[in-house]
Amino acid sequence: MKLPRLLAAAAALAVLVPTVAQAALPQPTSRLIVANTSLAGVVLNSSYAKAHKAWGTGGVCSPTTGCVYSKDAAVATNGSASFTIAQVTTTAKPKVVQISLRAGTTASGTYVFDQALTRYTTSKGIGLGSTTAQLKHAYAHIHSEAGGFGYYLKGTGARQTTFNVNKGRVVGIFMNSVHLG
């Protein structure tokens, strides 16, 4: 059964979040986001070793669950980047199944867009802090999520890139290669 293994991997990665105080933001050679394929050099379905090499050693990492990169303990003003590793079948090798960027927030919960992760963008200029209008203009075929929390670009198979939106601005970018529940 695929879903329990994926949920276990996501839960294990969440355990790493409290130790993010010792982490740093990724140091990729590219800041390009390619919808349904890669984010700043980390490629969906790649190995832990390749993903870790693409972002460097600054994250809090585990070869069985993935890495979380952030400059501060609360993943506050600087935001965070992460990738999740999972073994999707009993015979498959673990691989990158999710890559994400999250905007930082102030203590009052206001999103911060003046930070390093906002420089990660698609070839059409979309990244953290982009407006809903910019997103819709760049991707005319984008779909609205139920509940109005964002938009997604459907890829082949289960691949999907989701842009979470709050108050008309992109606050999170999540790329999946498998359905995560």
N, C-alpha and C. Protein backbone atom coordinates (compact mmCIF):
# COMPACT_ATOMS: atom_id res chain seq x y z
N MET A 1 0.84 -1.18 0.00
CA MET A 1 0.00 0.00 0.00
C MET A 1 0.88 1.24 0.00
N LYS A 2 0.68 2.13 -0.97
CA LYS A 2 1.55 3.29 -1.15
C LYS A 2 1.31 4.38 -0.12
N LEU A 3 0.08 4.73 0.17
CA LEU A 3 -0.23 5.88 1.00
C LEU A 3 0.38 5.79 2.40
N PRO A 4 0.31 4.68 3.13
CA PRO A 4 0.93 4.64 4.46
C PRO A 4 2.42 4.94 4.42
N ARG A 5 3.15 4.44 3.42
CA ARG A 5 4.59 4.72 3.34
C ARG A 5 4.84 6.20 3.10
N LEU A 6 4.02 6.82 2.25
CA LEU A 6 4.18 8.24 1.96
C LEU A 6 3.85 9.08 3.18
N LEU A 7 2.78 8.73 3.89
CA LEU A 7 2.42 9.46 5.09
C LEU A 7 3.49 9.30 6.16
N ALA A 8 4.06 8.11 6.27
CA ALA A 8 5.14 7.89 7.23
C ALA A 8 6.35 8.74 6.90
N ALA A 9 6.68 8.85 5.62
CA ALA A 9 7.82 9.69 5.21
C ALA A 9 7.55 11.15 5.52
N ALA A 10 6.34 11.61 5.26
CA ALA A 10 6.00 13.01 5.55
C ALA A 10 6.03 13.27 7.05
N ALA A 11 5.55 12.33 7.84
CA ALA A 11 5.58 12.49 9.30
C ALA A 11 7.02 12.49 9.81
N ALA A 12 7.85 11.62 9.26
CA ALA A 12 9.25 11.58 9.68
C ALA A 12 9.95 12.88 9.34
N LEU A 13 9.65 13.47 8.19
CA LEU A 13 10.25 14.75 7.81
C LEU A 13 9.78 15.85 8.75
N ALA A 14 8.54 15.80 9.18
CA ALA A 14 8.01 16.80 10.10
C ALA A 14 8.76 16.79 11.43
N VAL A 15 9.27 15.63 11.85
CA VAL A 15 10.04 15.52 13.08
C VAL A 15 11.32 16.34 12.99
N LEU A 16 11.83 16.53 11.78
CA LEU A 16 13.06 17.32 11.60
C LEU A 16 12.84 18.81 11.81
N VAL A 17 11.62 19.30 11.68
CA VAL A 17 11.35 20.73 11.73
C VAL A 17 11.83 21.39 13.03
N PRO A 18 11.67 20.80 14.23
CA PRO A 18 12.14 21.48 15.42
C PRO A 18 13.65 21.74 15.44
N THR A 19 14.43 20.99 14.70
CA THR A 19 15.87 21.19 14.70
C THR A 19 16.34 22.11 13.58
N VAL A 20 15.42 22.78 12.93
CA VAL A 20 15.76 23.65 11.82
C VAL A 20 16.63 24.83 12.27
N ALA A 21 16.70 25.11 13.56
CA ALA A 21 17.50 26.23 14.06
C ALA A 21 18.95 26.12 13.61
N GLN A 22 19.44 24.89 13.41
CA GLN A 22 20.82 24.71 12.98
C GLN A 22 20.95 24.71 11.46
N ALA A 23 19.88 24.86 10.75
CA ALA A 23 19.90 24.76 9.29
C ALA A 23 20.13 26.12 8.63
N ALA A 24 20.32 26.07 7.33
CA ALA A 24 20.45 27.27 6.50
C ALA A 24 19.60 27.07 5.26
N LEU A 25 19.44 28.14 4.49
CA LEU A 25 18.69 28.04 3.24
C LEU A 25 19.52 27.27 2.22
N PRO A 26 18.86 26.68 1.20
CA PRO A 26 19.60 25.95 0.17
C PRO A 26 20.60 26.85 -0.55
N GLN A 27 21.62 26.24 -1.12
CA GLN A 27 22.62 26.96 -1.92
C GLN A 27 22.68 26.33 -3.32
N PRO A 28 21.59 26.44 -4.09
CA PRO A 28 21.56 25.82 -5.42
C PRO A 28 22.36 26.62 -6.44
N THR A 29 22.76 25.96 -7.51
CA THR A 29 23.43 26.66 -8.60
C THR A 29 22.40 27.30 -9.53
N SER A 30 21.15 26.84 -9.45
CA SER A 30 20.06 27.39 -10.26
C SER A 30 18.89 27.71 -9.34
N ARG A 31 18.17 28.77 -9.64
CA ARG A 31 16.97 29.11 -8.88
C ARG A 31 15.71 28.91 -9.73
N LEU A 32 15.85 28.16 -10.80
CA LEU A 32 14.75 27.96 -11.73
C LEU A 32 13.76 26.92 -11.22
N ILE A 33 12.48 27.24 -11.32
CA ILE A 33 11.40 26.31 -11.01
C ILE A 33 10.82 25.85 -12.35
N VAL A 34 10.86 24.55 -12.60
CA VAL A 34 10.26 23.98 -13.82
C VAL A 34 9.06 23.16 -13.35
N ALA A 35 7.87 23.70 -13.58
CA ALA A 35 6.65 23.06 -13.08
C ALA A 35 6.60 21.58 -13.42
N ASN A 36 6.25 20.79 -12.41
CA ASN A 36 6.08 19.33 -12.52
C ASN A 36 7.38 18.58 -12.82
N THR A 37 8.52 19.25 -12.69
CA THR A 37 9.80 18.61 -13.00
C THR A 37 10.86 18.85 -11.93
N SER A 38 11.16 20.14 -11.66
CA SER A 38 12.26 20.43 -10.72
C SER A 38 12.10 21.79 -10.08
N LEU A 39 12.78 21.95 -8.96
CA LEU A 39 12.77 23.21 -8.23
C LEU A 39 14.20 23.49 -7.79
N ALA A 40 14.81 24.50 -8.38
CA ALA A 40 16.17 24.93 -8.03
C ALA A 40 17.18 23.77 -8.05
N GLY A 41 17.07 22.94 -9.06
CA GLY A 41 18.03 21.85 -9.23
C GLY A 41 17.64 20.52 -8.61
N VAL A 42 16.65 20.49 -7.73
CA VAL A 42 16.16 19.22 -7.17
C VAL A 42 15.08 18.71 -8.12
N VAL A 43 15.27 17.50 -8.61
CA VAL A 43 14.40 16.93 -9.64
C VAL A 43 13.48 15.88 -9.00
N LEU A 44 12.18 15.96 -9.33
CA LEU A 44 11.25 14.92 -8.86
C LEU A 44 11.74 13.54 -9.32
N ASN A 45 11.59 12.57 -8.47
CA ASN A 45 11.97 11.17 -8.70
C ASN A 45 13.48 10.93 -8.70
N SER A 46 14.26 11.95 -8.33
CA SER A 46 15.71 11.74 -8.23
C SER A 46 16.05 11.13 -6.87
N SER A 47 17.28 10.73 -6.72
CA SER A 47 17.73 10.12 -5.46
C SER A 47 18.00 11.19 -4.41
N TYR A 48 18.08 10.76 -3.16
CA TYR A 48 18.44 11.65 -2.06
C TYR A 48 19.80 12.29 -2.33
N ALA A 49 20.76 11.50 -2.77
CA ALA A 49 22.12 12.00 -3.00
C ALA A 49 22.13 13.13 -4.03
N LYS A 50 21.39 12.98 -5.11
CA LYS A 50 21.34 14.03 -6.14
C LYS A 50 20.64 15.28 -5.62
N ALA A 51 19.55 15.10 -4.89
CA ALA A 51 18.82 16.25 -4.35
C ALA A 51 19.67 16.99 -3.32
N HIS A 52 20.30 16.24 -2.44
CA HIS A 52 21.14 16.84 -1.40
C HIS A 52 22.32 17.59 -2.03
N LYS A 53 22.89 17.04 -3.07
CA LYS A 53 24.00 17.71 -3.77
C LYS A 53 23.52 19.02 -4.41
N ALA A 54 22.31 19.02 -4.96
CA ALA A 54 21.77 20.21 -5.63
C ALA A 54 21.58 21.38 -4.67
N TRP A 55 21.20 21.10 -3.41
CA TRP A 55 20.91 22.17 -2.46
C TRP A 55 22.00 22.37 -1.41
N GLY A 56 22.94 21.46 -1.30
CA GLY A 56 24.03 21.66 -0.34
C GLY A 56 23.74 21.10 1.05
N THR A 57 24.69 21.32 1.92
CA THR A 57 24.67 20.69 3.24
C THR A 57 24.01 21.50 4.34
N GLY A 58 23.40 22.63 4.04
CA GLY A 58 22.84 23.48 5.09
C GLY A 58 21.55 23.04 5.72
N GLY A 59 20.91 22.02 5.19
CA GLY A 59 19.61 21.59 5.72
C GLY A 59 19.72 20.60 6.85
N VAL A 60 18.60 20.37 7.49
CA VAL A 60 18.47 19.28 8.47
C VAL A 60 17.94 18.11 7.66
N CYS A 61 18.77 17.07 7.53
CA CYS A 61 18.50 16.03 6.54
C CYS A 61 18.54 14.62 7.10
N SER A 62 17.81 13.75 6.40
CA SER A 62 17.84 12.32 6.63
C SER A 62 17.70 11.64 5.27
N PRO A 63 18.58 10.69 4.95
CA PRO A 63 18.47 10.01 3.65
C PRO A 63 17.18 9.22 3.47
N THR A 64 16.45 8.97 4.55
CA THR A 64 15.21 8.21 4.45
C THR A 64 13.96 9.08 4.40
N THR A 65 14.08 10.37 4.75
CA THR A 65 12.90 11.24 4.75
C THR A 65 13.07 12.52 3.94
N GLY A 66 14.30 13.01 3.78
CA GLY A 66 14.53 14.23 3.01
C GLY A 66 15.20 15.31 3.82
N CYS A 67 15.05 16.56 3.38
CA CYS A 67 15.72 17.70 4.01
C CYS A 67 14.78 18.88 4.17
N VAL A 68 15.01 19.65 5.24
CA VAL A 68 14.33 20.91 5.48
C VAL A 68 15.42 21.97 5.60
N TYR A 69 15.28 23.05 4.84
CA TYR A 69 16.23 24.15 4.86
C TYR A 69 15.52 25.41 5.32
N SER A 70 16.05 26.06 6.33
CA SER A 70 15.52 27.33 6.81
C SER A 70 16.60 28.01 7.64
N LYS A 71 16.55 29.33 7.68
CA LYS A 71 17.55 30.08 8.43
C LYS A 71 17.24 30.19 9.91
N ASP A 72 15.99 29.96 10.31
CA ASP A 72 15.62 30.18 11.69
C ASP A 72 14.69 29.10 12.22
N ALA A 73 14.64 28.98 13.54
CA ALA A 73 13.93 27.89 14.20
C ALA A 73 12.44 27.84 13.89
N ALA A 74 11.80 28.96 13.83
CA ALA A 74 10.36 28.97 13.62
C ALA A 74 9.98 28.96 12.14
N VAL A 75 10.97 28.79 11.25
CA VAL A 75 10.75 28.86 9.81
C VAL A 75 10.00 30.17 9.55
N ALA A 76 10.38 31.18 10.31
CA ALA A 76 9.65 32.44 10.32
C ALA A 76 9.96 33.31 9.12
N THR A 77 10.57 34.44 9.32
CA THR A 77 10.67 35.45 8.27
C THR A 77 11.40 35.00 7.03
N ASN A 78 12.30 34.04 7.12
CA ASN A 78 13.08 33.62 5.95
C ASN A 78 12.40 32.53 5.13
N GLY A 79 11.34 31.95 5.62
CA GLY A 79 10.67 30.88 4.90
C GLY A 79 11.45 29.58 4.97
N SER A 80 11.04 28.61 4.15
CA SER A 80 11.72 27.31 4.15
C SER A 80 11.62 26.65 2.78
N ALA A 81 12.55 25.74 2.56
CA ALA A 81 12.55 24.91 1.36
C ALA A 81 12.74 23.48 1.84
N SER A 82 12.13 22.53 1.18
CA SER A 82 12.29 21.14 1.60
C SER A 82 12.06 20.19 0.43
N PHE A 83 12.58 18.98 0.61
CA PHE A 83 12.22 17.90 -0.29
C PHE A 83 11.99 16.66 0.55
N THR A 84 11.03 15.86 0.11
CA THR A 84 10.64 14.65 0.82
C THR A 84 11.04 13.43 0.01
N ILE A 85 11.63 12.46 0.69
CA ILE A 85 12.03 11.19 0.09
C ILE A 85 11.05 10.12 0.54
N ALA A 86 10.64 9.26 -0.36
CA ALA A 86 9.76 8.15 0.01
C ALA A 86 10.03 6.95 -0.88
N GLN A 87 9.74 5.79 -0.35
CA GLN A 87 9.78 4.54 -1.11
C GLN A 87 8.33 4.23 -1.43
N VAL A 88 7.94 4.40 -2.69
CA VAL A 88 6.52 4.32 -3.04
C VAL A 88 6.00 2.90 -3.22
N THR A 89 6.89 1.94 -3.38
CA THR A 89 6.50 0.53 -3.38
C THR A 89 7.57 -0.23 -2.61
N THR A 90 7.27 -1.45 -2.25
CA THR A 90 8.24 -2.23 -1.46
C THR A 90 9.50 -2.56 -2.24
N THR A 91 9.44 -2.57 -3.56
CA THR A 91 10.63 -2.90 -4.35
C THR A 91 11.34 -1.68 -4.93
N ALA A 92 10.71 -0.52 -4.85
CA ALA A 92 11.31 0.69 -5.43
C ALA A 92 12.36 1.29 -4.51
N LYS A 93 13.33 1.97 -5.11
CA LYS A 93 14.32 2.70 -4.32
C LYS A 93 13.67 4.01 -3.86
N PRO A 94 14.05 4.51 -2.69
CA PRO A 94 13.52 5.80 -2.23
C PRO A 94 13.88 6.90 -3.24
N LYS A 95 12.97 7.84 -3.40
CA LYS A 95 13.19 8.93 -4.36
C LYS A 95 12.49 10.19 -3.88
N VAL A 96 12.81 11.32 -4.51
CA VAL A 96 12.17 12.59 -4.19
C VAL A 96 10.73 12.55 -4.72
N VAL A 97 9.77 12.70 -3.81
CA VAL A 97 8.36 12.68 -4.20
C VAL A 97 7.68 14.04 -4.01
N GLN A 98 8.33 14.94 -3.25
CA GLN A 98 7.78 16.28 -3.08
C GLN A 98 8.92 17.28 -2.88
N ILE A 99 8.75 18.47 -3.47
CA ILE A 99 9.69 19.58 -3.30
C ILE A 99 8.83 20.79 -2.97
N SER A 100 9.28 21.62 -2.00
CA SER A 100 8.44 22.76 -1.64
C SER A 100 9.24 24.00 -1.25
N LEU A 101 8.60 25.14 -1.43
CA LEU A 101 9.08 26.44 -0.95
C LEU A 101 7.93 27.06 -0.17
N ARG A 102 8.24 27.68 0.96
CA ARG A 102 7.22 28.38 1.75
C ARG A 102 7.73 29.77 2.09
N ALA A 103 6.88 30.76 1.94
CA ALA A 103 7.23 32.13 2.32
C ALA A 103 7.32 32.22 3.83
N GLY A 104 8.16 33.11 4.30
CA GLY A 104 8.26 33.35 5.73
C GLY A 104 7.11 34.20 6.22
N THR A 105 6.98 34.27 7.55
CA THR A 105 5.95 35.11 8.15
C THR A 105 6.53 35.87 9.34
N THR A 106 5.89 36.97 9.66
CA THR A 106 6.25 37.72 10.85
C THR A 106 5.57 37.05 12.05
N ALA A 107 5.86 37.54 13.25
CA ALA A 107 5.24 37.00 14.45
C ALA A 107 3.73 37.16 14.42
N SER A 108 3.24 38.18 13.72
CA SER A 108 1.79 38.40 13.64
C SER A 108 1.13 37.60 12.51
N GLY A 109 1.94 36.85 11.73
CA GLY A 109 1.38 36.01 10.68
C GLY A 109 1.35 36.64 9.30
N THR A 110 1.91 37.83 9.15
CA THR A 110 1.98 38.48 7.85
C THR A 110 3.09 37.84 7.02
N TYR A 111 2.79 37.51 5.78
CA TYR A 111 3.80 36.88 4.93
C TYR A 111 4.90 37.87 4.56
N VAL A 112 6.13 37.36 4.48
CA VAL A 112 7.31 38.17 4.16
C VAL A 112 7.79 37.77 2.77
N PHE A 113 7.86 38.73 1.87
CA PHE A 113 8.30 38.44 0.51
C PHE A 113 9.65 39.06 0.18
N ASP A 114 10.25 39.73 1.13
CA ASP A 114 11.58 40.31 0.94
C ASP A 114 12.60 39.36 1.57
N GLN A 115 12.80 38.21 0.94
CA GLN A 115 13.72 37.20 1.46
C GLN A 115 14.26 36.37 0.30
N ALA A 116 15.32 35.62 0.57
CA ALA A 116 16.08 34.91 -0.47
C ALA A 116 15.23 33.96 -1.32
N LEU A 117 14.29 33.27 -0.74
CA LEU A 117 13.53 32.27 -1.49
C LEU A 117 12.60 32.88 -2.54
N THR A 118 12.34 34.18 -2.47
CA THR A 118 11.51 34.82 -3.50
C THR A 118 12.26 34.95 -4.82
N ARG A 119 13.55 34.70 -4.83
CA ARG A 119 14.34 34.76 -6.07
C ARG A 119 14.26 33.45 -6.87
N TYR A 120 13.60 32.43 -6.33
CA TYR A 120 13.39 31.18 -7.06
C TYR A 120 12.12 31.39 -7.90
N THR A 121 12.25 31.32 -9.22
CA THR A 121 11.10 31.60 -10.08
C THR A 121 11.04 30.65 -11.28
N THR A 122 9.87 30.58 -11.88
CA THR A 122 9.70 29.84 -13.13
C THR A 122 10.28 30.70 -14.26
N SER A 123 10.36 30.13 -15.45
CA SER A 123 10.83 30.90 -16.62
C SER A 123 9.87 32.04 -16.94
N LYS A 124 8.66 31.97 -16.40
CA LYS A 124 7.67 33.03 -16.63
C LYS A 124 7.64 34.03 -15.48
N GLY A 125 8.62 33.91 -14.56
CA GLY A 125 8.75 34.88 -13.48
C GLY A 125 7.88 34.64 -12.26
N ILE A 126 7.26 33.47 -12.15
CA ILE A 126 6.37 33.19 -11.03
C ILE A 126 7.15 32.54 -9.89
N GLY A 127 6.95 33.08 -8.68
CA GLY A 127 7.58 32.56 -7.48
C GLY A 127 6.84 33.04 -6.26
N LEU A 128 7.44 32.84 -5.09
CA LEU A 128 6.83 33.33 -3.85
C LEU A 128 6.66 34.84 -3.97
N GLY A 129 5.48 35.33 -3.61
CA GLY A 129 5.19 36.76 -3.69
C GLY A 129 4.50 37.19 -4.97
N SER A 130 4.51 36.34 -6.00
CA SER A 130 3.79 36.69 -7.24
C SER A 130 2.31 36.87 -6.93
N THR A 131 1.65 37.71 -7.68
CA THR A 131 0.22 37.92 -7.47
C THR A 131 -0.59 36.86 -8.21
N THR A 132 -1.83 36.71 -7.79
CA THR A 132 -2.74 35.79 -8.46
C THR A 132 -2.90 36.19 -9.93
N ALA A 133 -2.96 37.47 -10.20
CA ALA A 133 -3.10 37.96 -11.58
C ALA A 133 -1.88 37.56 -12.41
N GLN A 134 -0.69 37.71 -11.85
CA GLN A 134 0.53 37.30 -12.56
C GLN A 134 0.53 35.80 -12.84
N LEU A 135 0.11 35.02 -11.85
CA LEU A 135 0.05 33.56 -11.98
C LEU A 135 -0.91 33.15 -13.09
N LYS A 136 -2.10 33.71 -13.10
CA LYS A 136 -3.10 33.38 -14.11
C LYS A 136 -2.67 33.84 -15.50
N HIS A 137 -1.98 34.98 -15.58
CA HIS A 137 -1.50 35.48 -16.87
C HIS A 137 -0.39 34.57 -17.41
N ALA A 138 0.51 34.13 -16.54
CA ALA A 138 1.63 33.28 -16.96
C ALA A 138 1.16 31.89 -17.36
N TYR A 139 0.14 31.37 -16.67
CA TYR A 139 -0.34 30.01 -16.92
C TYR A 139 -1.85 30.04 -17.15
N ALA A 140 -2.24 30.34 -18.37
CA ALA A 140 -3.67 30.46 -18.71
C ALA A 140 -4.43 29.16 -18.45
N HIS A 141 -3.75 28.02 -18.48
CA HIS A 141 -4.39 26.71 -18.30
C HIS A 141 -4.38 26.24 -16.84
N ILE A 142 -4.03 27.12 -15.91
CA ILE A 142 -3.95 26.73 -14.49
C ILE A 142 -5.34 26.46 -13.94
N HIS A 143 -5.43 25.52 -12.99
CA HIS A 143 -6.71 25.14 -12.39
C HIS A 143 -6.80 25.70 -10.98
N SER A 144 -8.00 26.09 -10.58
CA SER A 144 -8.24 26.58 -9.24
C SER A 144 -8.49 25.40 -8.31
N GLU A 145 -7.88 25.44 -7.10
CA GLU A 145 -8.12 24.38 -6.12
C GLU A 145 -9.46 24.59 -5.44
N ALA A 146 -10.09 23.50 -5.04
CA ALA A 146 -11.32 23.60 -4.27
C ALA A 146 -11.03 24.34 -2.98
N GLY A 147 -11.89 25.22 -2.57
CA GLY A 147 -11.69 25.97 -1.35
C GLY A 147 -10.97 27.30 -1.57
N GLY A 148 -10.45 27.51 -2.78
CA GLY A 148 -9.83 28.78 -3.11
C GLY A 148 -8.49 29.06 -2.47
N PHE A 149 -7.77 28.02 -2.04
CA PHE A 149 -6.47 28.22 -1.38
C PHE A 149 -5.30 28.28 -2.35
N GLY A 150 -5.57 28.07 -3.63
CA GLY A 150 -4.48 28.12 -4.58
C GLY A 150 -4.86 27.61 -5.95
N TYR A 151 -3.82 27.34 -6.71
CA TYR A 151 -3.96 26.92 -8.10
C TYR A 151 -2.96 25.81 -8.38
N TYR A 152 -3.26 24.97 -9.37
CA TYR A 152 -2.33 23.90 -9.69
C TYR A 152 -2.18 23.70 -11.18
N LEU A 153 -1.00 23.21 -11.53
CA LEU A 153 -0.68 22.81 -12.90
C LEU A 153 -0.55 21.30 -12.89
N LYS A 154 -1.37 20.63 -13.66
CA LYS A 154 -1.36 19.17 -13.74
C LYS A 154 -0.27 18.75 -14.72
N GLY A 155 0.54 17.78 -14.32
CA GLY A 155 1.56 17.22 -15.18
C GLY A 155 1.16 15.82 -15.62
N THR A 156 2.12 15.06 -16.11
CA THR A 156 1.85 13.69 -16.52
C THR A 156 1.73 12.80 -15.29
N GLY A 157 0.87 11.80 -15.39
CA GLY A 157 0.68 10.88 -14.27
C GLY A 157 0.17 11.64 -13.06
N ALA A 158 0.81 11.41 -11.91
CA ALA A 158 0.39 12.08 -10.67
C ALA A 158 1.13 13.40 -10.43
N ARG A 159 2.00 13.79 -11.34
CA ARG A 159 2.76 15.04 -11.13
C ARG A 159 1.85 16.25 -11.10
N GLN A 160 2.16 17.12 -10.16
CA GLN A 160 1.36 18.33 -10.01
C GLN A 160 2.19 19.39 -9.29
N THR A 161 2.06 20.63 -9.73
CA THR A 161 2.67 21.77 -9.05
C THR A 161 1.55 22.65 -8.53
N THR A 162 1.55 22.91 -7.22
CA THR A 162 0.52 23.70 -6.58
C THR A 162 1.11 25.02 -6.09
N PHE A 163 0.40 26.09 -6.34
CA PHE A 163 0.78 27.42 -5.87
C PHE A 163 -0.26 27.82 -4.81
N ASN A 164 0.12 27.78 -3.55
CA ASN A 164 -0.79 28.21 -2.49
C ASN A 164 -0.83 29.73 -2.47
N VAL A 165 -2.03 30.27 -2.30
CA VAL A 165 -2.22 31.72 -2.37
C VAL A 165 -2.90 32.20 -1.09
N ASN A 166 -2.45 33.36 -0.60
CA ASN A 166 -3.07 34.01 0.54
C ASN A 166 -3.13 35.50 0.25
N LYS A 167 -4.31 36.08 0.36
CA LYS A 167 -4.51 37.51 0.09
C LYS A 167 -3.95 37.92 -1.27
N GLY A 168 -4.15 37.06 -2.27
CA GLY A 168 -3.78 37.38 -3.64
C GLY A 168 -2.31 37.23 -3.99
N ARG A 169 -1.52 36.58 -3.12
CA ARG A 169 -0.09 36.39 -3.40
C ARG A 169 0.31 34.94 -3.17
N VAL A 170 1.27 34.45 -3.95
CA VAL A 170 1.77 33.08 -3.80
C VAL A 170 2.59 33.01 -2.53
N VAL A 171 2.20 32.11 -1.61
CA VAL A 171 2.89 31.94 -0.33
C VAL A 171 3.56 30.58 -0.20
N GLY A 172 3.24 29.66 -1.12
CA GLY A 172 3.85 28.34 -1.09
C GLY A 172 3.82 27.71 -2.47
N ILE A 173 4.87 26.95 -2.77
CA ILE A 173 4.94 26.22 -4.04
C ILE A 173 5.28 24.78 -3.71
N PHE A 174 4.44 23.85 -4.14
CA PHE A 174 4.61 22.44 -3.82
C PHE A 174 4.56 21.63 -5.10
N MET A 175 5.54 20.79 -5.29
CA MET A 175 5.62 19.95 -6.48
C MET A 175 5.61 18.49 -6.01
N ASN A 176 4.70 17.68 -6.57
CA ASN A 176 4.58 16.27 -6.19
C ASN A 176 4.71 15.37 -7.41
N SER A 177 5.30 14.20 -7.20
CA SER A 177 5.36 13.21 -8.29
C SER A 177 4.42 12.05 -8.02
N VAL A 178 3.85 12.00 -6.82
CA VAL A 178 2.87 10.98 -6.47
C VAL A 178 1.74 11.67 -5.73
N HIS A 179 0.57 11.05 -5.70
CA HIS A 179 -0.56 11.62 -4.97
C HIS A 179 -0.29 11.43 -3.47
N LEU A 180 -0.28 12.56 -2.71
CA LEU A 180 0.05 12.49 -1.29
C LEU A 180 -1.18 12.62 -0.40
N GLY A 181 -2.27 12.05 -0.81
CA GLY A 181 -3.41 11.98 0.07
C GLY A 181 -4.40 13.00 -0.21
